[in-house]
Protein backbone atom coordinates (compact mmCIF):
# COMPACT_ATOMS: atom_id res chain seq x y z
CA MET A 1 55.79 -18.00 90.02
CA LEU A 2 53.80 -14.79 90.10
CA THR A 3 55.09 -12.01 87.85
CA GLY A 4 56.00 -8.59 89.17
CA GLU A 5 52.94 -7.08 87.50
CA GLU A 6 50.67 -9.68 89.05
CA ILE A 7 52.16 -9.05 92.49
CA LEU A 8 51.66 -5.29 92.16
CA GLU A 9 48.02 -5.71 91.13
CA ILE A 10 47.35 -8.21 93.90
CA GLU A 11 48.97 -5.87 96.43
CA LYS A 12 46.59 -3.10 95.30
CA ALA A 13 43.66 -5.47 95.84
CA ILE A 14 44.93 -6.39 99.30
CA HIS A 15 45.00 -2.74 100.36
CA VAL A 16 41.25 -2.31 99.90
CA VAL A 17 40.14 -5.31 101.97
CA PRO A 18 40.34 -5.98 105.71
CA HIS A 19 42.88 -8.84 105.44
CA ARG A 20 45.05 -10.53 102.79
CA GLN A 21 42.84 -13.55 102.30
CA ALA A 22 39.85 -11.34 101.44
CA ALA A 23 41.62 -10.45 98.17
CA CYS A 24 41.63 -14.07 97.01
CA ILE A 25 38.94 -13.76 94.32
CA GLU A 26 40.53 -10.62 92.92
CA ALA A 27 43.95 -12.30 92.96
CA LEU A 28 42.58 -15.28 91.04
CA LYS A 29 40.99 -12.92 88.49
CA ILE A 30 44.24 -10.97 88.09
CA VAL A 31 46.30 -14.05 87.37
CA GLN A 32 43.63 -15.55 85.13
CA SER A 33 43.40 -12.33 83.09
CA ARG A 34 47.02 -12.84 82.05
CA ARG A 35 47.18 -16.64 81.81
CA ARG A 36 43.55 -17.47 80.85
CA TRP A 37 43.26 -20.10 83.60
CA ILE A 38 44.52 -21.00 87.07
CA SER A 39 46.95 -23.91 86.97
CA ASP A 40 47.83 -25.89 90.10
CA ASP A 41 51.19 -24.10 90.26
CA SER A 42 49.52 -20.69 89.93
CA LEU A 43 47.03 -21.63 92.63
CA LYS A 44 49.85 -22.62 94.99
CA ASP A 45 51.74 -19.38 94.29
CA ILE A 46 48.67 -17.23 94.89
CA ALA A 47 47.79 -19.14 98.06
CA SER A 48 51.29 -18.71 99.42
CA PHE A 49 51.29 -15.01 98.61
CA LEU A 50 47.94 -14.56 100.37
CA GLU A 51 48.98 -16.71 103.33
CA MET A 52 46.32 -19.32 102.59
CA SER A 53 46.54 -23.05 102.05
CA PRO A 54 46.17 -24.26 98.46
CA ALA A 55 43.09 -26.21 99.56
CA GLU A 56 41.43 -23.06 100.94
CA LEU A 57 42.09 -21.15 97.73
CA ASP A 58 41.02 -24.06 95.54
CA SER A 59 37.69 -24.19 97.37
CA VAL A 60 37.15 -20.55 96.39
CA ALA A 61 38.38 -21.06 92.82
CA THR A 62 36.16 -24.06 92.17
CA PHE A 63 33.09 -22.37 93.68
CA TYR A 64 33.07 -19.60 91.06
CA ASN A 65 32.15 -20.71 87.56
CA LEU A 66 34.22 -17.98 85.90
CA ILE A 67 37.50 -19.03 87.49
CA PHE A 68 38.91 -21.63 85.14
CA ARG A 69 40.94 -24.49 86.61
CA LYS A 70 41.78 -26.01 83.25
CA PRO A 71 42.99 -24.38 80.03
CA VAL A 72 40.43 -22.43 78.02
CA GLY A 73 40.42 -20.75 74.64
CA ARG A 74 41.16 -17.11 73.93
CA HIS A 75 37.43 -16.36 74.05
CA ILE A 76 34.82 -17.83 76.38
CA ILE A 77 31.29 -18.33 75.09
CA LEU A 78 28.73 -18.53 77.88
CA VAL A 79 25.40 -19.81 76.61
CA CYS A 80 22.51 -19.04 78.92
CA ASP A 81 20.55 -22.21 79.61
CA SER A 82 17.98 -20.75 82.00
CA ILE A 83 14.36 -21.79 81.64
CA THR A 84 13.55 -18.53 79.88
CA CYS A 85 16.30 -19.04 77.31
CA TRP A 86 15.18 -22.65 76.82
CA VAL A 87 11.66 -21.48 76.03
CA MET A 88 12.90 -18.72 73.71
CA GLY A 89 15.24 -20.79 71.54
CA TYR A 90 18.32 -21.85 73.51
CA GLU A 91 18.40 -25.30 71.89
CA LYS A 92 18.79 -23.87 68.38
CA LEU A 93 21.64 -21.58 69.47
CA HIS A 94 23.41 -24.37 71.30
CA ALA A 95 23.01 -26.82 68.40
CA TYR A 96 24.30 -24.26 65.90
CA LEU A 97 27.34 -23.41 68.03
CA GLN A 98 28.14 -27.09 68.56
CA SER A 99 27.95 -27.74 64.82
CA LYS A 100 29.78 -24.57 63.74
CA LEU A 101 32.61 -24.84 66.28
CA GLY A 102 32.79 -28.62 66.48
CA ILE A 103 32.87 -28.60 70.28
CA ARG A 104 30.61 -29.49 73.19
CA TYR A 105 30.31 -27.74 76.53
CA GLY A 106 33.66 -27.57 78.32
CA GLU A 107 35.66 -28.10 75.13
CA THR A 108 37.92 -25.74 73.22
CA THR A 109 38.19 -25.38 69.46
CA GLY A 110 41.30 -26.87 67.86
CA ASP A 111 42.62 -23.39 67.04
CA ASP A 112 42.34 -22.40 70.73
CA ARG A 113 39.90 -19.66 69.74
CA PHE A 114 36.74 -20.55 71.69
CA THR A 115 35.70 -22.49 74.77
CA MET A 116 31.95 -22.98 75.16
CA LEU A 117 30.30 -23.24 78.58
CA PRO A 118 26.72 -23.31 79.86
CA ASN A 119 25.65 -20.54 82.19
CA PRO A 120 22.54 -20.79 84.38
CA CYS A 121 21.61 -17.11 84.02
CA LEU A 122 22.97 -14.04 82.29
CA GLY A 123 20.34 -11.80 83.90
CA THR A 124 18.59 -10.75 80.74
CA CYS A 125 15.46 -12.91 80.71
CA ASP A 126 13.45 -10.15 79.06
CA CYS A 127 15.68 -10.50 75.98
CA ALA A 128 16.16 -14.27 75.75
CA PRO A 129 17.86 -16.20 74.37
CA ALA A 130 21.21 -14.74 75.34
CA LEU A 131 24.88 -15.52 75.29
CA MET A 132 28.04 -13.79 76.37
CA ILE A 133 31.45 -13.86 74.72
CA ASP A 134 34.17 -12.60 77.02
CA HIS A 135 32.54 -9.46 78.47
CA ASP A 136 30.12 -8.84 75.61
CA LEU A 137 26.46 -9.70 76.17
CA TYR A 138 24.27 -10.62 73.20
CA ARG A 139 20.51 -10.56 73.65
CA ASN A 140 17.62 -11.80 71.51
CA VAL A 141 20.13 -13.93 69.62
CA THR A 142 19.08 -16.01 66.64
CA PRO A 143 21.17 -18.71 64.95
CA GLU A 144 21.32 -16.48 61.86
CA GLN A 145 23.27 -13.86 63.85
CA LEU A 146 25.89 -16.24 65.22
CA ASP A 147 28.35 -16.20 62.29
CA GLU A 148 28.57 -12.41 62.41
CA ILE A 149 28.95 -12.44 66.19
CA LEU A 150 31.68 -15.11 66.16
CA ASP A 151 33.59 -13.27 63.42
CA ARG A 152 34.20 -10.38 65.87
CA TYR A 153 36.53 -12.59 67.93
CA VAL A 154 39.89 -13.42 66.39
């Protein structure tokens, strides 16, 4: 069931697009911002509210890599694995994060703090390697910087 706050925000999004269904990505983002992911029940509720079928909305949700269809941690680590980041040290960052956090791509730490995911491009090839945690972009990252960076996220 969508909350009153979610409904109000989705209604605002609907008013700036030509038809209800065009607000589907924004509606998914609104619900995810409060719940961290889009469950099957949430997807059905959003679809109904937008007058879409669950299958139509799921096709949108699964197309976008930042809409999460399974539970994720409080903080999402996106590790850029573009060719530029590979050349500039991606493997060392990835190996350090795997070892430090004890998780692989798509997994969440036992304390629910971090989920780590690959990302094909963070758009900062001139400052590779890069990673993003939540909305914070880190450029020219070295393994030696990772402890300090991770400590910022409780």
